[in-house]
Amino acid sequence: MVYQFTKDLETGNELIDNEHRQLFTAINKLLAACMTGRGRTEIEETLNFLNNYVNKHFGDEEGLQRKYRYPDYPNHKRYHDAFRKTVQNLVDEYQQKGASIDLVAKTNTSVAGWLLNHIKKEDVKVAAHIRECTSA
């Protein structure tokens, strides 16, 4: 299954949407590697990218939330912190046990599933708040 960054996932904020597209690209690259039997080879690169990029992306998003005084910032940050921990747990598992099909599958499902849900439920609210602040 390839994950498409569709119109319903767009927040309308160019920075956030571009960063989400890059996260989708990383997951799809891992999925493509899995389809050709290279998932275990690709997992290290994917996890390194995710670990670094999630921190960059969440930092950018949280910066916008603070700048525009997003009222639900504390909860949104908690979601981010929990996901940072999820990614770190995947990295730790890789470092302790190495690449495995189970780890590849866990990375695909936990990252893509969380990302889709978070964008649709939370990030759209952030972007709407920013639009409201900048159009006033």
N, C-alpha and C. Protein backbone atom coordinates (compact mmCIF):
# COMPACT_ATOMS: atom_id res chain seq x y z
N MET A 1 0.84 -1.18 0.00
CA MET A 1 0.00 0.00 0.00
C MET A 1 0.88 1.24 0.00
N VAL A 2 0.67 2.09 -0.96
CA VAL A 2 1.40 3.35 -1.04
C VAL A 2 0.51 4.44 -0.44
N TYR A 3 1.12 5.29 0.35
CA TYR A 3 0.36 6.37 1.00
C TYR A 3 0.40 7.61 0.12
N GLN A 4 -0.77 8.12 -0.20
CA GLN A 4 -0.90 9.30 -1.05
C GLN A 4 -1.17 10.53 -0.18
N PHE A 5 -0.48 11.60 -0.47
CA PHE A 5 -0.76 12.86 0.22
C PHE A 5 -1.87 13.55 -0.58
N THR A 6 -3.09 13.28 -0.18
CA THR A 6 -4.27 13.75 -0.91
C THR A 6 -4.75 15.11 -0.39
N LYS A 7 -5.66 15.67 -1.13
CA LYS A 7 -6.20 17.00 -0.80
C LYS A 7 -6.75 17.05 0.63
N ASP A 8 -7.38 15.97 1.09
CA ASP A 8 -7.96 15.98 2.44
C ASP A 8 -6.90 15.98 3.54
N LEU A 9 -5.63 15.78 3.17
CA LEU A 9 -4.55 15.83 4.15
C LEU A 9 -3.86 17.20 4.17
N GLU A 10 -4.18 18.04 3.22
CA GLU A 10 -3.57 19.37 3.17
C GLU A 10 -4.14 20.24 4.28
N THR A 11 -3.24 20.91 4.97
CA THR A 11 -3.67 21.81 6.03
C THR A 11 -3.85 23.22 5.50
N GLY A 12 -3.28 23.50 4.34
CA GLY A 12 -3.32 24.86 3.80
C GLY A 12 -2.12 25.68 4.22
N ASN A 13 -1.29 25.14 5.11
CA ASN A 13 -0.07 25.82 5.51
C ASN A 13 1.08 25.20 4.72
N GLU A 14 1.74 26.00 3.90
CA GLU A 14 2.75 25.50 2.97
C GLU A 14 3.89 24.76 3.68
N LEU A 15 4.40 25.33 4.76
CA LEU A 15 5.50 24.69 5.49
C LEU A 15 5.08 23.33 6.02
N ILE A 16 3.94 23.28 6.69
CA ILE A 16 3.47 22.02 7.29
C ILE A 16 3.19 20.99 6.19
N ASP A 17 2.51 21.41 5.12
CA ASP A 17 2.18 20.47 4.05
C ASP A 17 3.43 19.93 3.37
N ASN A 18 4.42 20.76 3.11
CA ASN A 18 5.66 20.30 2.49
C ASN A 18 6.39 19.30 3.38
N GLU A 19 6.40 19.57 4.66
CA GLU A 19 7.07 18.64 5.58
C GLU A 19 6.31 17.32 5.68
N HIS A 20 4.98 17.39 5.66
CA HIS A 20 4.19 16.16 5.67
C HIS A 20 4.48 15.34 4.40
N ARG A 21 4.59 16.00 3.27
CA ARG A 21 4.90 15.29 2.02
C ARG A 21 6.24 14.55 2.14
N GLN A 22 7.22 15.16 2.77
CA GLN A 22 8.53 14.52 2.93
C GLN A 22 8.43 13.29 3.83
N LEU A 23 7.59 13.37 4.86
CA LEU A 23 7.40 12.21 5.73
C LEU A 23 6.72 11.07 4.96
N PHE A 24 5.73 11.40 4.13
CA PHE A 24 5.08 10.39 3.30
C PHE A 24 6.07 9.76 2.33
N THR A 25 6.94 10.57 1.76
CA THR A 25 7.95 10.07 0.83
C THR A 25 8.85 9.05 1.52
N ALA A 26 9.24 9.31 2.75
CA ALA A 26 10.11 8.39 3.48
C ALA A 26 9.41 7.06 3.73
N ILE A 27 8.15 7.10 4.13
CA ILE A 27 7.40 5.86 4.38
C ILE A 27 7.21 5.10 3.07
N ASN A 28 6.88 5.81 2.01
CA ASN A 28 6.67 5.15 0.72
C ASN A 28 7.96 4.54 0.19
N LYS A 29 9.08 5.17 0.47
CA LYS A 29 10.38 4.62 0.06
C LYS A 29 10.63 3.30 0.78
N LEU A 30 10.29 3.25 2.05
CA LEU A 30 10.45 2.00 2.80
C LEU A 30 9.50 0.93 2.24
N LEU A 31 8.26 1.31 1.94
CA LEU A 31 7.31 0.36 1.38
C LEU A 31 7.79 -0.18 0.03
N ALA A 32 8.33 0.70 -0.80
CA ALA A 32 8.85 0.29 -2.11
C ALA A 32 10.00 -0.70 -1.92
N ALA A 33 10.85 -0.43 -0.94
CA ALA A 33 11.96 -1.35 -0.66
C ALA A 33 11.42 -2.71 -0.21
N CYS A 34 10.36 -2.70 0.57
CA CYS A 34 9.76 -3.95 1.04
C CYS A 34 9.24 -4.78 -0.14
N MET A 35 8.66 -4.11 -1.11
CA MET A 35 8.08 -4.82 -2.27
C MET A 35 9.15 -5.50 -3.12
N THR A 36 10.38 -5.04 -2.99
CA THR A 36 11.46 -5.66 -3.77
C THR A 36 12.42 -6.45 -2.87
N GLY A 37 11.96 -6.73 -1.65
CA GLY A 37 12.76 -7.55 -0.75
C GLY A 37 13.92 -6.82 -0.08
N ARG A 38 13.90 -5.48 -0.12
CA ARG A 38 15.00 -4.71 0.48
C ARG A 38 14.57 -3.95 1.74
N GLY A 39 13.45 -4.32 2.34
CA GLY A 39 12.94 -3.61 3.51
C GLY A 39 13.92 -3.56 4.67
N ARG A 40 14.53 -4.71 4.93
CA ARG A 40 15.48 -4.75 6.05
C ARG A 40 16.72 -3.92 5.77
N THR A 41 17.07 -3.79 4.49
CA THR A 41 18.22 -2.95 4.11
C THR A 41 17.89 -1.48 4.28
N GLU A 42 16.68 -1.11 3.95
CA GLU A 42 16.25 0.29 3.94
C GLU A 42 15.87 0.81 5.33
N ILE A 43 15.58 -0.07 6.28
CA ILE A 43 15.01 0.35 7.56
C ILE A 43 15.93 1.30 8.32
N GLU A 44 17.23 1.07 8.29
CA GLU A 44 18.14 1.95 9.04
C GLU A 44 18.06 3.38 8.52
N GLU A 45 18.10 3.54 7.21
CA GLU A 45 18.03 4.87 6.61
C GLU A 45 16.68 5.54 6.95
N THR A 46 15.62 4.77 6.87
CA THR A 46 14.29 5.31 7.17
C THR A 46 14.19 5.76 8.61
N LEU A 47 14.66 4.93 9.52
CA LEU A 47 14.58 5.28 10.95
C LEU A 47 15.45 6.49 11.27
N ASN A 48 16.64 6.57 10.68
CA ASN A 48 17.49 7.74 10.91
C ASN A 48 16.81 9.00 10.40
N PHE A 49 16.24 8.91 9.20
CA PHE A 49 15.52 10.06 8.64
C PHE A 49 14.37 10.45 9.56
N LEU A 50 13.55 9.47 9.93
CA LEU A 50 12.38 9.77 10.77
C LEU A 50 12.78 10.39 12.10
N ASN A 51 13.78 9.83 12.72
CA ASN A 51 14.21 10.34 14.03
C ASN A 51 14.63 11.80 13.94
N ASN A 52 15.39 12.13 12.91
CA ASN A 52 15.82 13.52 12.73
C ASN A 52 14.70 14.42 12.23
N TYR A 53 13.97 13.95 11.24
CA TYR A 53 12.99 14.80 10.59
C TYR A 53 11.76 15.05 11.45
N VAL A 54 11.35 14.05 12.21
CA VAL A 54 10.21 14.24 13.10
C VAL A 54 10.53 15.35 14.10
N ASN A 55 11.73 15.35 14.61
CA ASN A 55 12.11 16.42 15.55
C ASN A 55 12.13 17.78 14.86
N LYS A 56 12.63 17.85 13.63
CA LYS A 56 12.63 19.11 12.89
C LYS A 56 11.20 19.55 12.61
N HIS A 57 10.40 18.63 12.06
CA HIS A 57 9.03 18.97 11.69
C HIS A 57 8.21 19.40 12.91
N PHE A 58 8.28 18.63 13.98
CA PHE A 58 7.52 18.99 15.16
C PHE A 58 8.01 20.31 15.75
N GLY A 59 9.30 20.55 15.68
CA GLY A 59 9.83 21.83 16.15
C GLY A 59 9.26 22.99 15.33
N ASP A 60 9.21 22.81 14.01
CA ASP A 60 8.63 23.85 13.15
C ASP A 60 7.15 24.07 13.47
N GLU A 61 6.42 22.97 13.59
CA GLU A 61 4.99 23.06 13.87
C GLU A 61 4.73 23.71 15.23
N GLU A 62 5.48 23.30 16.22
CA GLU A 62 5.30 23.85 17.57
C GLU A 62 5.69 25.32 17.61
N GLY A 63 6.70 25.70 16.82
CA GLY A 63 7.07 27.11 16.72
C GLY A 63 5.93 27.95 16.17
N LEU A 64 5.27 27.44 15.13
CA LEU A 64 4.10 28.15 14.58
C LEU A 64 2.98 28.24 15.61
N GLN A 65 2.78 27.17 16.35
CA GLN A 65 1.71 27.17 17.35
C GLN A 65 1.99 28.21 18.45
N ARG A 66 3.24 28.30 18.86
CA ARG A 66 3.58 29.30 19.88
C ARG A 66 3.46 30.71 19.31
N LYS A 67 3.93 30.89 18.09
CA LYS A 67 3.88 32.21 17.44
C LYS A 67 2.45 32.73 17.34
N TYR A 68 1.53 31.83 16.97
CA TYR A 68 0.14 32.24 16.77
C TYR A 68 -0.75 31.92 17.97
N ARG A 69 -0.11 31.57 19.08
CA ARG A 69 -0.80 31.30 20.35
C ARG A 69 -1.95 30.30 20.18
N TYR A 70 -1.62 29.16 19.60
CA TYR A 70 -2.61 28.11 19.39
C TYR A 70 -3.11 27.64 20.75
N PRO A 71 -4.42 27.72 21.01
CA PRO A 71 -4.94 27.44 22.35
C PRO A 71 -4.77 26.00 22.82
N ASP A 72 -4.67 25.05 21.90
CA ASP A 72 -4.53 23.65 22.29
C ASP A 72 -3.08 23.17 22.20
N TYR A 73 -2.15 24.12 22.21
CA TYR A 73 -0.73 23.79 22.09
C TYR A 73 -0.26 22.73 23.09
N PRO A 74 -0.61 22.83 24.39
CA PRO A 74 -0.10 21.82 25.32
C PRO A 74 -0.50 20.39 24.94
N ASN A 75 -1.74 20.20 24.50
CA ASN A 75 -2.16 18.86 24.09
C ASN A 75 -1.47 18.43 22.81
N HIS A 76 -1.37 19.35 21.87
CA HIS A 76 -0.74 19.02 20.60
C HIS A 76 0.72 18.62 20.83
N LYS A 77 1.40 19.34 21.70
CA LYS A 77 2.78 19.01 22.02
C LYS A 77 2.88 17.63 22.67
N ARG A 78 1.91 17.28 23.49
CA ARG A 78 1.90 15.94 24.10
C ARG A 78 1.79 14.85 23.03
N TYR A 79 0.96 15.08 22.01
CA TYR A 79 0.85 14.12 20.91
C TYR A 79 2.21 13.98 20.22
N HIS A 80 2.85 15.11 19.98
CA HIS A 80 4.16 15.08 19.34
C HIS A 80 5.17 14.34 20.21
N ASP A 81 5.18 14.63 21.50
CA ASP A 81 6.14 13.98 22.39
C ASP A 81 5.93 12.47 22.43
N ALA A 82 4.68 12.05 22.42
CA ALA A 82 4.38 10.61 22.42
C ALA A 82 4.88 9.97 21.13
N PHE A 83 4.73 10.67 20.01
CA PHE A 83 5.18 10.10 18.75
C PHE A 83 6.70 10.11 18.65
N ARG A 84 7.33 11.14 19.19
CA ARG A 84 8.80 11.14 19.24
C ARG A 84 9.28 9.88 19.96
N LYS A 85 8.59 9.54 21.04
CA LYS A 85 8.95 8.35 21.82
C LYS A 85 8.72 7.08 20.99
N THR A 86 7.64 7.04 20.22
CA THR A 86 7.37 5.89 19.35
C THR A 86 8.52 5.70 18.37
N VAL A 87 8.93 6.78 17.72
CA VAL A 87 10.03 6.70 16.76
C VAL A 87 11.32 6.30 17.47
N GLN A 88 11.57 6.86 18.64
CA GLN A 88 12.78 6.51 19.38
C GLN A 88 12.76 5.03 19.77
N ASN A 89 11.60 4.51 20.14
CA ASN A 89 11.49 3.09 20.47
C ASN A 89 11.81 2.21 19.26
N LEU A 90 11.38 2.63 18.07
CA LEU A 90 11.71 1.89 16.86
C LEU A 90 13.22 1.91 16.60
N VAL A 91 13.82 3.08 16.79
CA VAL A 91 15.28 3.21 16.62
C VAL A 91 15.99 2.32 17.64
N ASP A 92 15.54 2.37 18.89
CA ASP A 92 16.17 1.54 19.93
C ASP A 92 16.06 0.05 19.59
N GLU A 93 14.88 -0.35 19.12
CA GLU A 93 14.70 -1.76 18.74
C GLU A 93 15.67 -2.15 17.62
N TYR A 94 15.82 -1.26 16.65
CA TYR A 94 16.76 -1.54 15.55
C TYR A 94 18.18 -1.68 16.09
N GLN A 95 18.57 -0.77 16.99
CA GLN A 95 19.93 -0.81 17.52
C GLN A 95 20.19 -2.05 18.36
N GLN A 96 19.15 -2.52 19.05
CA GLN A 96 19.31 -3.68 19.93
C GLN A 96 19.19 -5.01 19.19
N LYS A 97 18.26 -5.08 18.23
CA LYS A 97 17.96 -6.36 17.60
C LYS A 97 18.30 -6.42 16.12
N GLY A 98 18.61 -5.27 15.52
CA GLY A 98 18.90 -5.24 14.10
C GLY A 98 17.62 -5.19 13.27
N ALA A 99 17.81 -5.25 11.97
CA ALA A 99 16.69 -5.18 11.04
C ALA A 99 15.91 -6.49 11.06
N SER A 100 14.61 -6.36 11.03
CA SER A 100 13.74 -7.54 10.96
C SER A 100 12.49 -7.16 10.19
N ILE A 101 11.84 -8.16 9.67
CA ILE A 101 10.58 -7.92 8.97
C ILE A 101 9.55 -7.34 9.93
N ASP A 102 9.56 -7.82 11.16
CA ASP A 102 8.64 -7.31 12.18
C ASP A 102 8.87 -5.81 12.41
N LEU A 103 10.12 -5.39 12.49
CA LEU A 103 10.43 -3.98 12.70
C LEU A 103 10.00 -3.14 11.50
N VAL A 104 10.23 -3.64 10.31
CA VAL A 104 9.80 -2.92 9.10
C VAL A 104 8.29 -2.74 9.12
N ALA A 105 7.56 -3.82 9.41
CA ALA A 105 6.10 -3.75 9.45
C ALA A 105 5.63 -2.79 10.54
N LYS A 106 6.25 -2.88 11.71
CA LYS A 106 5.88 -2.00 12.81
C LYS A 106 6.14 -0.53 12.46
N THR A 107 7.23 -0.26 11.79
CA THR A 107 7.56 1.11 11.37
C THR A 107 6.51 1.61 10.39
N ASN A 108 6.19 0.81 9.39
CA ASN A 108 5.18 1.21 8.40
C ASN A 108 3.85 1.53 9.05
N THR A 109 3.36 0.62 9.88
CA THR A 109 2.02 0.80 10.43
C THR A 109 1.97 1.90 11.48
N SER A 110 2.94 1.93 12.37
CA SER A 110 2.86 2.93 13.44
C SER A 110 3.10 4.34 12.93
N VAL A 111 4.02 4.50 12.00
CA VAL A 111 4.32 5.84 11.51
C VAL A 111 3.23 6.33 10.56
N ALA A 112 2.91 5.56 9.57
CA ALA A 112 1.90 6.01 8.59
C ALA A 112 0.54 6.18 9.24
N GLY A 113 0.14 5.23 10.06
CA GLY A 113 -1.16 5.32 10.73
C GLY A 113 -1.26 6.55 11.62
N TRP A 114 -0.23 6.77 12.41
CA TRP A 114 -0.24 7.93 13.30
C TRP A 114 -0.27 9.22 12.49
N LEU A 115 0.54 9.28 11.46
CA LEU A 115 0.64 10.50 10.66
C LEU A 115 -0.70 10.85 10.01
N LEU A 116 -1.33 9.87 9.40
CA LEU A 116 -2.64 10.11 8.76
C LEU A 116 -3.66 10.62 9.78
N ASN A 117 -3.75 9.95 10.90
CA ASN A 117 -4.70 10.32 11.94
C ASN A 117 -4.39 11.71 12.49
N HIS A 118 -3.13 11.99 12.76
CA HIS A 118 -2.74 13.26 13.37
C HIS A 118 -3.01 14.43 12.42
N ILE A 119 -2.70 14.26 11.17
CA ILE A 119 -2.93 15.34 10.21
C ILE A 119 -4.42 15.65 10.13
N LYS A 120 -5.23 14.60 9.96
CA LYS A 120 -6.67 14.79 9.76
C LYS A 120 -7.37 15.34 10.99
N LYS A 121 -6.90 14.97 12.18
CA LYS A 121 -7.60 15.38 13.39
C LYS A 121 -6.99 16.60 14.08
N GLU A 122 -5.69 16.74 14.02
CA GLU A 122 -5.03 17.79 14.80
C GLU A 122 -4.41 18.91 13.96
N ASP A 123 -3.63 18.54 12.97
CA ASP A 123 -2.91 19.56 12.21
C ASP A 123 -3.84 20.48 11.43
N VAL A 124 -4.98 19.95 11.00
CA VAL A 124 -5.93 20.82 10.29
C VAL A 124 -6.46 21.91 11.22
N LYS A 125 -6.59 21.61 12.50
CA LYS A 125 -7.04 22.62 13.48
C LYS A 125 -5.97 23.70 13.67
N VAL A 126 -4.73 23.28 13.71
CA VAL A 126 -3.63 24.24 13.85
C VAL A 126 -3.61 25.18 12.64
N ALA A 127 -3.67 24.60 11.46
CA ALA A 127 -3.63 25.41 10.24
C ALA A 127 -4.82 26.36 10.16
N ALA A 128 -6.00 25.90 10.56
CA ALA A 128 -7.19 26.78 10.56
C ALA A 128 -6.98 27.94 11.53
N HIS A 129 -6.40 27.66 12.68
CA HIS A 129 -6.14 28.72 13.66
C HIS A 129 -5.15 29.74 13.09
N ILE A 130 -4.11 29.26 12.44
CA ILE A 130 -3.10 30.17 11.86
C ILE A 130 -3.75 31.01 10.76
N ARG A 131 -4.57 30.40 9.91
CA ARG A 131 -5.27 31.15 8.86
C ARG A 131 -6.16 32.24 9.48
N GLU A 132 -6.84 31.89 10.53
CA GLU A 132 -7.72 32.84 11.21
C GLU A 132 -6.91 34.02 11.76
N CYS A 133 -5.76 33.72 12.33
CA CYS A 133 -4.92 34.78 12.91
C CYS A 133 -4.34 35.68 11.82
N THR A 134 -3.96 35.10 10.69
CA THR A 134 -3.30 35.90 9.66
C THR A 134 -4.28 36.64 8.77
N SER A 135 -5.55 36.24 8.79
CA SER A 135 -6.53 36.94 7.94
C SER A 135 -7.25 38.04 8.73
N ALA A 136 -7.08 38.06 10.02
CA ALA A 136 -7.78 39.05 10.85
C ALA A 136 -7.13 40.42 10.75
